[in-house]
Amino acid sequence: MSWLWAIIVGLVLGLIAKAILPGKQRIPLWLTVVFGMLGSVLGNWVATGIGVNDTRGVDWTRHVLQLIGAIVVVGVGDRLWAAIRGERTT
């Protein structure tokens, strides 16, 4: 069941990251999910490093760090995807 939640969180974070980033992202939906999952893992890693991974109540700091991680990974991943496919990035 944890894999299902990872995919759902990855999809949601990836789509939110795509909506926040300026311009049109050229990555497909499956890659958005993967990048969202990677961003979530990155955000959890940072949250654990600064000691806010497990707090009482809702872990808002951890969730914000997951979203920031997703934005970074989707942004970098989109540029890499465009470069691999030979598309011009602007």
C-alpha atoms as a PDB file:
ATOM      1  CA  MET A   1       0.000   0.000   0.000  1.00  0.00           C
ATOM      2  CA  SER A   2       2.914   2.398   0.592  1.00  0.00           C
ATOM      3  CA  TRP A   3       3.830   2.258  -3.115  1.00  0.00           C
ATOM      4  CA  LEU A   4       0.306   3.354  -4.012  1.00  0.00           C
ATOM      5  CA  TRP A   5       0.606   6.351  -1.710  1.00  0.00           C
ATOM      6  CA  ALA A   6       4.041   7.176  -3.135  1.00  0.00           C
ATOM      7  CA  ILE A   7       2.576   7.213  -6.651  1.00  0.00           C
ATOM      8  CA  ILE A   8      -0.396   9.347  -5.585  1.00  0.00           C
ATOM      9  CA  VAL A   9       1.814  11.828  -3.715  1.00  0.00           C
ATOM     10  CA  GLY A  10       4.226  11.900  -6.661  1.00  0.00           C
ATOM     11  CA  LEU A  11       1.396  12.644  -9.078  1.00  0.00           C
ATOM     12  CA  VAL A  12      -0.050  15.411  -6.927  1.00  0.00           C
ATOM     13  CA  LEU A  13       3.309  17.037  -6.142  1.00  0.00           C
ATOM     14  CA  GLY A  14       4.464  16.715  -9.750  1.00  0.00           C
ATOM     15  CA  LEU A  15       1.306  18.364 -11.083  1.00  0.00           C
ATOM     16  CA  ILE A  16       1.492  21.161  -8.516  1.00  0.00           C
ATOM     17  CA  ALA A  17       5.163  21.692  -9.400  1.00  0.00           C
ATOM     18  CA  LYS A  18       4.306  21.859 -13.115  1.00  0.00           C
ATOM     19  CA  ALA A  19       1.600  24.421 -12.354  1.00  0.00           C
ATOM     20  CA  ILE A  20       3.986  26.579 -10.296  1.00  0.00           C
ATOM     21  CA  LEU A  21       6.869  26.520 -12.771  1.00  0.00           C
ATOM     22  CA  PRO A  22       6.667  29.205 -15.463  1.00  0.00           C
ATOM     23  CA  GLY A  23       6.289  28.196 -19.082  1.00  0.00           C
ATOM     24  CA  LYS A  24       5.290  24.893 -20.592  1.00  0.00           C
ATOM     25  CA  GLN A  25       6.962  21.741 -19.361  1.00  0.00           C
ATOM     26  CA  ARG A  26       7.525  19.084 -22.001  1.00  0.00           C
ATOM     27  CA  ILE A  27       7.806  16.013 -19.771  1.00  0.00           C
ATOM     28  CA  PRO A  28       5.138  13.303 -20.061  1.00  0.00           C
ATOM     29  CA  LEU A  29       2.747  12.457 -17.215  1.00  0.00           C
ATOM     30  CA  TRP A  30       4.592   9.282 -16.187  1.00  0.00           C
ATOM     31  CA  LEU A  31       7.808  11.262 -15.801  1.00  0.00           C
ATOM     32  CA  THR A  32       5.961  13.941 -13.832  1.00  0.00           C
ATOM     33  CA  VAL A  33       4.911  11.229 -11.358  1.00  0.00           C
ATOM     34  CA  VAL A  34       8.473   9.900 -11.101  1.00  0.00           C
ATOM     35  CA  PHE A  35       9.905  13.385 -10.607  1.00  0.00           C
ATOM     36  CA  GLY A  36       7.208  14.172  -8.020  1.00  0.00           C
ATOM     37  CA  MET A  37       8.134  11.007  -6.125  1.00  0.00           C
ATOM     38  CA  LEU A  38      11.837  11.914  -6.259  1.00  0.00           C
ATOM     39  CA  GLY A  39      11.049  15.438  -5.060  1.00  0.00           C
ATOM     40  CA  SER A  40       9.035  14.000  -2.191  1.00  0.00           C
ATOM     41  CA  VAL A  41      11.954  11.790  -1.171  1.00  0.00           C
ATOM     42  CA  LEU A  42      14.316  14.759  -1.436  1.00  0.00           C
ATOM     43  CA  GLY A  43      12.009  16.883   0.735  1.00  0.00           C
ATOM     44  CA  ASN A  44      11.741  14.095   3.325  1.00  0.00           C
ATOM     45  CA  TRP A  45      15.523  13.775   3.386  1.00  0.00           C
ATOM     46  CA  VAL A  46      15.955  17.505   4.010  1.00  0.00           C
ATOM     47  CA  ALA A  47      13.197  17.464   6.661  1.00  0.00           C
ATOM     48  CA  THR A  48      14.933  14.611   8.457  1.00  0.00           C
ATOM     49  CA  GLY A  49      18.252  16.443   8.229  1.00  0.00           C
ATOM     50  CA  ILE A  50      16.893  19.562   9.910  1.00  0.00           C
ATOM     51  CA  GLY A  51      14.839  17.594  12.436  1.00  0.00           C
ATOM     52  CA  VAL A  52      11.274  18.376  11.337  1.00  0.00           C
ATOM     53  CA  ASN A  53      10.365  15.064   9.700  1.00  0.00           C
ATOM     54  CA  ASP A  54       8.087  13.873  12.493  1.00  0.00           C
ATOM     55  CA  THR A  55       6.285  16.512  14.533  1.00  0.00           C
ATOM     56  CA  ARG A  56       3.001  16.623  16.398  1.00  0.00           C
ATOM     57  CA  GLY A  57      -0.003  17.232  14.195  1.00  0.00           C
ATOM     58  CA  VAL A  58       0.333  17.981  10.508  1.00  0.00           C
ATOM     59  CA  ASP A  59       3.925  18.179   9.287  1.00  0.00           C
ATOM     60  CA  TRP A  60       3.526  21.381   7.277  1.00  0.00           C
ATOM     61  CA  THR A  61       7.255  22.052   7.104  1.00  0.00           C
ATOM     62  CA  ARG A  62       7.890  18.571   5.708  1.00  0.00           C
ATOM     63  CA  HIS A  63       5.111  19.000   3.134  1.00  0.00           C
ATOM     64  CA  VAL A  64       6.472  22.372   2.007  1.00  0.00           C
ATOM     65  CA  LEU A  65       9.957  20.863   1.682  1.00  0.00           C
ATOM     66  CA  GLN A  66       8.495  17.997  -0.379  1.00  0.00           C
ATOM     67  CA  LEU A  67       6.833  20.519  -2.706  1.00  0.00           C
ATOM     68  CA  ILE A  68      10.051  22.518  -3.037  1.00  0.00           C
ATOM     69  CA  GLY A  69      11.893  19.287  -3.816  1.00  0.00           C
ATOM     70  CA  ALA A  70       9.311  18.422  -6.470  1.00  0.00           C
ATOM     71  CA  ILE A  71       9.602  21.876  -8.035  1.00  0.00           C
ATOM     72  CA  VAL A  72      13.381  21.567  -8.230  1.00  0.00           C
ATOM     73  CA  VAL A  73      13.326  18.012  -9.618  1.00  0.00           C
ATOM     74  CA  VAL A  74      10.569  18.749 -12.156  1.00  0.00           C
ATOM     75  CA  GLY A  75      12.352  21.925 -13.304  1.00  0.00           C
ATOM     76  CA  VAL A  76      15.729  20.243 -13.722  1.00  0.00           C
ATOM     77  CA  GLY A  77      14.167  17.078 -15.143  1.00  0.00           C
ATOM     78  CA  ASP A  78      12.229  19.048 -17.750  1.00  0.00           C
ATOM     79  CA  ARG A  79      15.401  20.728 -18.975  1.00  0.00           C
ATOM     80  CA  LEU A  80      17.222  17.401 -19.125  1.00  0.00           C
ATOM     81  CA  TRP A  81      14.294  15.781 -20.963  1.00  0.00           C
ATOM     82  CA  ALA A  82      14.288  18.605 -23.523  1.00  0.00           C
ATOM     83  CA  ALA A  83      18.074  18.378 -23.961  1.00  0.00           C
ATOM     84  CA  ILE A  84      17.987  14.608 -24.467  1.00  0.00           C
ATOM     85  CA  ARG A  85      15.197  14.943 -27.025  1.00  0.00           C
ATOM     86  CA  GLY A  86      17.038  17.765 -28.784  1.00  0.00           C
ATOM     87  CA  GLU A  87      14.392  20.383 -28.081  1.00  0.00           C
ATOM     88  CA  ARG A  88      15.287  23.976 -27.528  1.00  0.00           C
ATOM     89  CA  THR A  89      14.781  25.327 -23.988  1.00  0.00           C
ATOM     90  CA  THR A  90      13.903  28.965 -23.472  1.00  0.00           C
END
